[in-house]
Amino acid sequence: LGDHQPAAEELLRLCGEQGIAFVPFYAIAGDSGPHGATTAHGEAVLAAARAHGTSPAQIRLAWTLARGPHVLAIPGTGNPAHLTENVAAGALRLTAEELDGLNEAHTKAG
């Protein structure tokens, strides 16, 4: 959601209220943005990945999708294995505790 965290969160909220689709850039890359996915993940991401037996990238994607039905993600990949992981991430159901931890980590990162 970018460097301007409070403004971005407000925009996300307003889009949800108005039924407007929101497509975040770099849903998987996180803070590394246009440089691509990184191996540096916060503890909340790593803990959720361990709990679900998935990759941190799948957790980031599942969290993005859990932000609301108006939030869409378009992860790009040229790697068939990553494509399979991306599709599988759509079926991940994060717990309320995991979502709270990921939301908190996201807020602190901004």
Protein backbone atom coordinates (compact mmCIF):
# COMPACT_ATOMS: atom_id res chain seq x y z
CA LEU A 1 0.00 0.00 0.00
CA GLY A 2 2.98 2.29 -0.13
CA ASP A 3 4.89 4.81 1.91
CA HIS A 4 1.92 6.99 2.92
CA GLN A 5 0.34 4.41 5.22
CA PRO A 6 -2.53 6.38 6.81
CA ALA A 7 -3.62 7.85 3.46
CA ALA A 8 -3.37 4.46 1.74
CA GLU A 9 -5.38 2.77 4.48
CA GLU A 10 -8.05 5.47 4.20
CA LEU A 11 -8.16 5.01 0.43
CA LEU A 12 -8.55 1.24 0.87
CA ARG A 13 -11.39 1.79 3.35
CA LEU A 14 -13.18 4.25 1.06
CA CYS A 15 -12.86 1.91 -1.91
CA GLY A 16 -14.46 -0.86 0.15
CA GLU A 17 -17.34 1.39 1.20
CA GLN A 18 -18.00 2.42 -2.39
CA GLY A 19 -17.55 -1.05 -3.89
CA ILE A 20 -14.53 0.06 -5.90
CA ALA A 21 -11.91 -2.54 -6.74
CA PHE A 22 -8.45 -1.85 -5.30
CA VAL A 23 -5.41 -3.49 -6.90
CA PRO A 24 -2.26 -3.00 -4.81
CA PHE A 25 1.07 -3.02 -6.59
CA TYR A 26 3.73 -5.43 -5.33
CA ALA A 27 1.38 -7.54 -3.19
CA ILE A 28 4.06 -10.21 -2.82
CA ALA A 29 7.18 -8.04 -2.95
CA GLY A 30 6.14 -5.98 0.06
CA ASP A 31 8.66 -3.30 0.98
CA SER A 32 11.04 -4.27 -1.84
CA GLY A 33 8.40 -3.07 -4.34
CA PRO A 34 9.56 -3.03 -7.95
CA HIS A 35 12.72 -4.90 -7.05
CA GLY A 36 10.70 -8.08 -6.55
CA ALA A 37 10.11 -10.55 -3.77
CA THR A 38 12.72 -10.65 -1.07
CA THR A 39 13.88 -13.20 1.47
CA ALA A 40 13.47 -10.59 4.24
CA HIS A 41 10.12 -11.19 5.91
CA GLY A 42 8.82 -10.03 9.26
CA GLU A 43 8.17 -12.49 12.05
CA ALA A 44 4.39 -12.32 11.58
CA VAL A 45 4.77 -13.43 7.95
CA LEU A 46 7.26 -16.16 8.83
CA ALA A 47 5.14 -17.47 11.72
CA ALA A 48 2.04 -17.69 9.53
CA ALA A 49 4.04 -19.41 6.77
CA ARG A 50 5.31 -22.00 9.24
CA ALA A 51 1.81 -22.56 10.63
CA HIS A 52 0.35 -23.15 7.17
CA GLY A 53 3.33 -24.95 5.65
CA THR A 54 3.51 -22.34 2.89
CA SER A 55 5.95 -19.80 1.58
CA PRO A 56 6.08 -16.25 2.98
CA ALA A 57 5.04 -14.99 -0.48
CA GLN A 58 1.85 -17.06 -0.24
CA ILE A 59 1.10 -15.52 3.16
CA ARG A 60 1.62 -12.00 1.78
CA LEU A 61 -0.75 -12.78 -1.08
CA ALA A 62 -3.35 -14.41 1.19
CA TRP A 63 -3.19 -11.39 3.53
CA THR A 64 -3.65 -9.01 0.59
CA LEU A 65 -6.74 -10.93 -0.53
CA ALA A 66 -8.10 -11.05 3.04
CA ARG A 67 -8.18 -7.23 3.16
CA GLY A 68 -11.63 -7.37 1.58
CA PRO A 69 -13.61 -8.61 -1.41
CA HIS A 70 -12.79 -5.37 -3.22
CA VAL A 71 -9.02 -6.00 -2.97
CA LEU A 72 -7.60 -7.80 -5.97
CA ALA A 73 -4.08 -9.03 -6.56
CA ILE A 74 -2.37 -9.57 -9.87
CA PRO A 75 0.93 -11.24 -9.07
CA GLY A 76 3.16 -11.49 -12.09
CA THR A 77 5.40 -14.47 -12.62
CA GLY A 78 7.19 -16.25 -15.41
CA ASN A 79 7.82 -19.27 -13.22
CA PRO A 80 5.23 -22.11 -13.35
CA ALA A 81 6.03 -23.15 -9.76
CA HIS A 82 5.36 -19.62 -8.52
CA LEU A 83 2.13 -19.53 -10.51
CA THR A 84 1.00 -22.70 -8.73
CA GLU A 85 1.89 -21.14 -5.35
CA ASN A 86 0.04 -17.93 -6.23
CA VAL A 87 -3.14 -19.82 -7.11
CA ALA A 88 -2.88 -21.92 -3.94
CA ALA A 89 -2.52 -18.76 -1.85
CA GLY A 90 -6.06 -17.82 -2.82
CA ALA A 91 -7.34 -20.80 -0.85
CA LEU A 92 -5.38 -19.98 2.34
CA ARG A 93 -7.56 -18.96 5.26
CA LEU A 94 -5.59 -16.99 7.79
CA THR A 95 -6.79 -16.99 11.39
CA ALA A 96 -8.02 -13.82 13.08
CA GLU A 97 -4.85 -13.81 15.19
CA GLU A 98 -2.65 -14.13 12.11
CA LEU A 99 -4.53 -11.35 10.36
CA ASP A 100 -4.18 -9.11 13.41
CA GLY A 101 -0.43 -9.77 13.54
CA LEU A 102 0.00 -9.15 9.81
CA ASN A 103 -2.09 -5.99 9.96
CA GLU A 104 -0.05 -4.71 12.89
CA ALA A 105 3.23 -5.50 11.14
CA HIS A 106 1.97 -3.75 8.01
CA THR A 107 0.99 -0.66 9.98
CA LYS A 108 4.42 -0.51 11.66
CA ALA A 109 6.21 -0.93 8.32
CA GLY A 110 4.51 2.12 6.84
